[in-house]
Amino acid sequence: ELDRQERENVRDPRWVGEIEYVSMDDPPVLHLHVPTDDEIADKPDRFNRFWVWEEPIEGAEYYIGSDVASGQAKDFSDAPIYRLGWGSEPDVQVAEWHGKMNASHYARVLAAIGHWYNDCEIAVEYTQSGITTGDELRWVIDYPNLYRWKRLDVITNVNTQHIHWVTNQR
């Protein structure tokens, strides 16, 4: 089944490179190019970390979910970007950022990608290094479209809103 899925659904990115945040008032700076075979053989740690299969479509709705690493260890930060489907149309992965970076700077990358993809909603796993990234997006960058999950407060019996999401036993 995995072989079939790979044959039918996996394709090389149209562009690879980097993306830089300027501000929410300015478009991000893109450093993209058509990849060589060597560049897509393995995802690098610190360059060509942004892979794009589809440019943003005006009016389309996008979503970013992000797992944040420290930028120093063996694990990677990762942010797949999806175009949301309507009705029977499937959601489609249109881009992905995968690499190593300081958690604070990574927030700027997420803001740039989110801004490029129609100011889409961003959800960060809000644990460990993700707290730094999530707080940077909220308090420093003031990104306008952060995921908020509601949870019933058992003491007040009121739904509370928390930014991003936490992976835990609950």
C-alpha atoms as a PDB file:
ATOM      1  CA  GLU A   1       0.000   0.000   0.000  1.00  0.00           C
ATOM      2  CA  LEU A   2       2.842   2.398   0.802  1.00  0.00           C
ATOM      3  CA  ASP A   3       4.465   1.689  -2.568  1.00  0.00           C
ATOM      4  CA  ARG A   4       1.161   2.378  -4.313  1.00  0.00           C
ATOM      5  CA  GLN A   5       0.674   5.611  -2.384  1.00  0.00           C
ATOM      6  CA  GLU A   6       4.179   6.721  -3.294  1.00  0.00           C
ATOM      7  CA  ARG A   7       3.658   5.964  -7.009  1.00  0.00           C
ATOM      8  CA  GLU A   8       0.314   7.751  -7.119  1.00  0.00           C
ATOM      9  CA  ASN A   9       0.864  10.712  -4.804  1.00  0.00           C
ATOM     10  CA  VAL A  10       4.517  11.595  -4.228  1.00  0.00           C
ATOM     11  CA  ARG A  11       6.070  14.155  -6.527  1.00  0.00           C
ATOM     12  CA  ASP A  12       9.152  16.336  -6.441  1.00  0.00           C
ATOM     13  CA  PRO A  13       8.711  19.981  -5.406  1.00  0.00           C
ATOM     14  CA  ARG A  14       8.517  22.621  -8.146  1.00  0.00           C
ATOM     15  CA  TRP A  15      10.741  24.986  -6.132  1.00  0.00           C
ATOM     16  CA  VAL A  16      13.067  24.783  -3.142  1.00  0.00           C
ATOM     17  CA  GLY A  17      14.815  27.488  -1.158  1.00  0.00           C
ATOM     18  CA  GLU A  18      14.190  29.810   1.749  1.00  0.00           C
ATOM     19  CA  ILE A  19      11.614  32.389   2.813  1.00  0.00           C
ATOM     20  CA  GLU A  20      12.211  35.491   4.947  1.00  0.00           C
ATOM     21  CA  TYR A  21       9.811  37.492   7.090  1.00  0.00           C
ATOM     22  CA  VAL A  22       9.799  41.267   6.645  1.00  0.00           C
ATOM     23  CA  SER A  23       6.605  42.392   8.375  1.00  0.00           C
ATOM     24  CA  MET A  24       2.889  41.724   8.228  1.00  0.00           C
ATOM     25  CA  ASP A  25       2.599  44.815   6.024  1.00  0.00           C
ATOM     26  CA  ASP A  26       5.155  43.614   3.474  1.00  0.00           C
ATOM     27  CA  PRO A  27       5.267  40.433   1.394  1.00  0.00           C
ATOM     28  CA  PRO A  28       7.825  37.829   2.441  1.00  0.00           C
ATOM     29  CA  VAL A  29      11.115  37.614   0.590  1.00  0.00           C
ATOM     30  CA  LEU A  30      11.350  34.376  -1.380  1.00  0.00           C
ATOM     31  CA  HIS A  31      14.614  32.766  -2.439  1.00  0.00           C
ATOM     32  CA  LEU A  32      13.226  29.885  -4.503  1.00  0.00           C
ATOM     33  CA  HIS A  33      14.655  28.015  -7.477  1.00  0.00           C
ATOM     34  CA  VAL A  34      13.916  24.895  -9.490  1.00  0.00           C
ATOM     35  CA  PRO A  35      15.659  22.068  -7.628  1.00  0.00           C
ATOM     36  CA  THR A  36      18.354  19.832  -9.029  1.00  0.00           C
ATOM     37  CA  ASP A  37      18.155  16.077  -8.490  1.00  0.00           C
ATOM     38  CA  ASP A  38      20.848  16.349  -5.814  1.00  0.00           C
ATOM     39  CA  GLU A  39      18.859  18.957  -3.878  1.00  0.00           C
ATOM     40  CA  ILE A  40      15.806  16.747  -3.534  1.00  0.00           C
ATOM     41  CA  ALA A  41      17.637  13.514  -2.770  1.00  0.00           C
ATOM     42  CA  ASP A  42      17.654  14.405   0.923  1.00  0.00           C
ATOM     43  CA  LYS A  43      16.199  17.329   2.852  1.00  0.00           C
ATOM     44  CA  PRO A  44      19.054  19.500   4.123  1.00  0.00           C
ATOM     45  CA  ASP A  45      19.319  20.858   7.667  1.00  0.00           C
ATOM     46  CA  ARG A  46      20.075  24.536   7.118  1.00  0.00           C
ATOM     47  CA  PHE A  47      19.459  25.496   3.463  1.00  0.00           C
ATOM     48  CA  ASN A  48      16.749  24.824   0.845  1.00  0.00           C
ATOM     49  CA  ARG A  49      14.420  23.973   3.717  1.00  0.00           C
ATOM     50  CA  PHE A  50      11.288  25.360   2.053  1.00  0.00           C
ATOM     51  CA  TRP A  51       9.803  23.013  -0.564  1.00  0.00           C
ATOM     52  CA  VAL A  52       6.907  24.311  -2.683  1.00  0.00           C
ATOM     53  CA  TRP A  53       4.587  22.251  -4.866  1.00  0.00           C
ATOM     54  CA  GLU A  54       1.971  24.947  -5.430  1.00  0.00           C
ATOM     55  CA  GLU A  55       2.044  28.736  -5.141  1.00  0.00           C
ATOM     56  CA  PRO A  56      -0.774  30.417  -3.176  1.00  0.00           C
ATOM     57  CA  ILE A  57      -4.076  30.750  -5.007  1.00  0.00           C
ATOM     58  CA  GLU A  58      -6.020  33.913  -4.330  1.00  0.00           C
ATOM     59  CA  GLY A  59      -9.134  33.111  -2.327  1.00  0.00           C
ATOM     60  CA  ALA A  60      -7.990  29.613  -1.345  1.00  0.00           C
ATOM     61  CA  GLU A  61      -7.834  28.685   2.320  1.00  0.00           C
ATOM     62  CA  TYR A  62      -4.606  27.269   3.746  1.00  0.00           C
ATOM     63  CA  TYR A  63      -3.502  25.807   7.048  1.00  0.00           C
ATOM     64  CA  ILE A  64      -0.103  25.292   8.725  1.00  0.00           C
ATOM     65  CA  GLY A  65       0.564  22.864  11.545  1.00  0.00           C
ATOM     66  CA  SER A  66       4.018  23.085  13.063  1.00  0.00           C
ATOM     67  CA  ASP A  67       6.207  20.889  15.206  1.00  0.00           C
ATOM     68  CA  VAL A  68       9.101  22.824  16.722  1.00  0.00           C
ATOM     69  CA  ALA A  69      12.530  21.444  17.604  1.00  0.00           C
ATOM     70  CA  SER A  70      15.282  23.219  19.506  1.00  0.00           C
ATOM     71  CA  GLY A  71      17.387  23.680  16.375  1.00  0.00           C
ATOM     72  CA  GLN A  72      20.400  22.148  18.076  1.00  0.00           C
ATOM     73  CA  ALA A  73      19.575  18.461  18.529  1.00  0.00           C
ATOM     74  CA  LYS A  74      18.967  15.633  16.084  1.00  0.00           C
ATOM     75  CA  ASP A  75      15.292  16.435  15.529  1.00  0.00           C
ATOM     76  CA  PHE A  76      13.908  18.896  12.993  1.00  0.00           C
ATOM     77  CA  SER A  77      11.246  21.572  13.002  1.00  0.00           C
ATOM     78  CA  ASP A  78       8.582  20.885  10.419  1.00  0.00           C
ATOM     79  CA  ALA A  79       5.647  22.784   8.977  1.00  0.00           C
ATOM     80  CA  PRO A  80       3.469  21.230   6.270  1.00  0.00           C
ATOM     81  CA  ILE A  81       1.175  23.681   4.477  1.00  0.00           C
ATOM     82  CA  TYR A  82      -2.198  22.451   3.214  1.00  0.00           C
ATOM     83  CA  ARG A  83      -4.768  23.951   0.854  1.00  0.00           C
ATOM     84  CA  LEU A  84      -8.135  23.051   2.325  1.00  0.00           C
ATOM     85  CA  GLY A  85     -10.578  21.285   0.040  1.00  0.00           C
ATOM     86  CA  TRP A  86     -14.287  22.060  -0.156  1.00  0.00           C
ATOM     87  CA  GLY A  87     -17.029  19.444  -0.335  1.00  0.00           C
ATOM     88  CA  SER A  88     -15.625  16.249  -1.827  1.00  0.00           C
ATOM     89  CA  GLU A  89     -12.392  17.982  -2.884  1.00  0.00           C
ATOM     90  CA  PRO A  90      -9.472  16.686  -0.781  1.00  0.00           C
ATOM     91  CA  ASP A  91      -7.059  18.784   1.238  1.00  0.00           C
ATOM     92  CA  VAL A  92      -3.741  19.057  -0.643  1.00  0.00           C
ATOM     93  CA  GLN A  93      -0.255  19.576   0.743  1.00  0.00           C
ATOM     94  CA  VAL A  94       1.186  22.538  -1.191  1.00  0.00           C
ATOM     95  CA  ALA A  95       4.474  23.216   0.630  1.00  0.00           C
ATOM     96  CA  GLU A  96       6.631  22.198   3.569  1.00  0.00           C
ATOM     97  CA  TRP A  97       9.371  23.785   5.645  1.00  0.00           C
ATOM     98  CA  HIS A  98      11.672  21.205   7.236  1.00  0.00           C
ATOM     99  CA  GLY A  99      14.991  21.913   8.903  1.00  0.00           C
ATOM    100  CA  LYS A 100      16.878  23.217  11.883  1.00  0.00           C
ATOM    101  CA  MET A 101      16.570  26.741  13.236  1.00  0.00           C
ATOM    102  CA  ASN A 102      16.401  28.642  16.502  1.00  0.00           C
ATOM    103  CA  ALA A 103      12.801  28.495  17.797  1.00  0.00           C
ATOM    104  CA  SER A 104      12.455  32.293  17.901  1.00  0.00           C
ATOM    105  CA  HIS A 105      13.641  32.750  14.310  1.00  0.00           C
ATOM    106  CA  TYR A 106      11.441  29.850  13.238  1.00  0.00           C
ATOM    107  CA  ALA A 107       8.401  31.934  14.257  1.00  0.00           C
ATOM    108  CA  ARG A 108       9.410  34.476  11.612  1.00  0.00           C
ATOM    109  CA  VAL A 109       9.608  31.741   8.981  1.00  0.00           C
ATOM    110  CA  LEU A 110       6.129  30.533   9.943  1.00  0.00           C
ATOM    111  CA  ALA A 111       4.789  34.104   9.805  1.00  0.00           C
ATOM    112  CA  ALA A 112       6.328  34.593   6.345  1.00  0.00           C
ATOM    113  CA  ILE A 113       4.849  31.351   5.031  1.00  0.00           C
ATOM    114  CA  GLY A 114       1.478  32.062   6.630  1.00  0.00           C
ATOM    115  CA  HIS A 115       1.457  35.581   5.211  1.00  0.00           C
ATOM    116  CA  TRP A 116       2.343  34.273   1.719  1.00  0.00           C
ATOM    117  CA  TYR A 117      -0.419  31.661   1.889  1.00  0.00           C
ATOM    118  CA  ASN A 118      -3.240  34.187   2.365  1.00  0.00           C
ATOM    119  CA  ASP A 119      -2.580  34.852   6.062  1.00  0.00           C
ATOM    120  CA  CYS A 120      -3.561  31.267   6.804  1.00  0.00           C
ATOM    121  CA  GLU A 121      -4.152  29.833  10.243  1.00  0.00           C
ATOM    122  CA  ILE A 122      -1.028  28.579  12.039  1.00  0.00           C
ATOM    123  CA  ALA A 123      -1.068  25.993  14.823  1.00  0.00           C
ATOM    124  CA  VAL A 124       2.136  25.332  16.737  1.00  0.00           C
ATOM    125  CA  GLU A 125       2.645  22.403  19.094  1.00  0.00           C
ATOM    126  CA  TYR A 126       2.904  24.476  22.264  1.00  0.00           C
ATOM    127  CA  THR A 127       5.433  22.466  24.275  1.00  0.00           C
ATOM    128  CA  GLN A 128       9.150  22.915  24.974  1.00  0.00           C
ATOM    129  CA  SER A 129      10.674  24.970  22.103  1.00  0.00           C
ATOM    130  CA  GLY A 130       7.208  25.437  20.627  1.00  0.00           C
ATOM    131  CA  ILE A 131       6.345  27.761  23.504  1.00  0.00           C
ATOM    132  CA  THR A 132       9.062  30.144  22.306  1.00  0.00           C
ATOM    133  CA  THR A 133       7.817  29.947  18.713  1.00  0.00           C
ATOM    134  CA  GLY A 134       4.166  30.325  19.703  1.00  0.00           C
ATOM    135  CA  ASP A 135       4.820  33.274  22.011  1.00  0.00           C
ATOM    136  CA  GLU A 136       6.942  35.001  19.353  1.00  0.00           C
ATOM    137  CA  LEU A 137       4.103  34.628  16.834  1.00  0.00           C
ATOM    138  CA  ARG A 138       1.547  35.958  19.299  1.00  0.00           C
ATOM    139  CA  TRP A 139       3.317  38.681  21.247  1.00  0.00           C
ATOM    140  CA  VAL A 140       6.202  39.922  19.077  1.00  0.00           C
ATOM    141  CA  ILE A 141       5.036  39.390  15.495  1.00  0.00           C
ATOM    142  CA  ASP A 142       1.322  39.694  16.373  1.00  0.00           C
ATOM    143  CA  TYR A 143       0.390  37.165  13.674  1.00  0.00           C
ATOM    144  CA  PRO A 144      -3.335  37.654  12.981  1.00  0.00           C
ATOM    145  CA  ASN A 145      -4.512  34.058  12.527  1.00  0.00           C
ATOM    146  CA  LEU A 146      -3.382  31.664  15.261  1.00  0.00           C
ATOM    147  CA  TYR A 147      -5.174  28.420  16.056  1.00  0.00           C
ATOM    148  CA  ARG A 148      -7.111  28.552  19.313  1.00  0.00           C
ATOM    149  CA  TRP A 149      -8.512  25.456  20.939  1.00  0.00           C
ATOM    150  CA  LYS A 150     -11.359  25.576  23.374  1.00  0.00           C
ATOM    151  CA  ARG A 151     -11.404  23.554  26.546  1.00  0.00           C
ATOM    152  CA  LEU A 152     -14.089  23.420  29.183  1.00  0.00           C
ATOM    153  CA  ASP A 153     -12.744  24.775  32.463  1.00  0.00           C
ATOM    154  CA  VAL A 154     -14.092  22.356  35.075  1.00  0.00           C
ATOM    155  CA  ILE A 155     -14.089  24.979  37.828  1.00  0.00           C
ATOM    156  CA  THR A 156     -15.817  27.852  35.993  1.00  0.00           C
ATOM    157  CA  ASN A 157     -17.740  25.681  33.485  1.00  0.00           C
ATOM    158  CA  VAL A 158     -16.708  28.142  30.744  1.00  0.00           C
ATOM    159  CA  ASN A 159     -14.847  27.404  27.531  1.00  0.00           C
ATOM    160  CA  THR A 160     -11.365  28.855  27.639  1.00  0.00           C
ATOM    161  CA  GLN A 161      -9.293  29.649  24.555  1.00  0.00           C
ATOM    162  CA  HIS A 162      -5.672  28.625  24.362  1.00  0.00           C
ATOM    163  CA  ILE A 163      -3.367  29.351  21.460  1.00  0.00           C
ATOM    164  CA  HIS A 164      -1.843  26.501  19.497  1.00  0.00           C
ATOM    165  CA  TRP A 165      -2.145  22.943  20.791  1.00  0.00           C
ATOM    166  CA  VAL A 166      -0.551  20.773  23.423  1.00  0.00           C
ATOM    167  CA  THR A 167       0.173  17.083  22.879  1.00  0.00           C
ATOM    168  CA  ASN A 168      -0.318  15.280  26.153  1.00  0.00           C
ATOM    169  CA  GLN A 169      -2.232  12.354  27.638  1.00  0.00           C
ATOM    170  CA  ARG A 170      -5.545  14.233  27.359  1.00  0.00           C
END
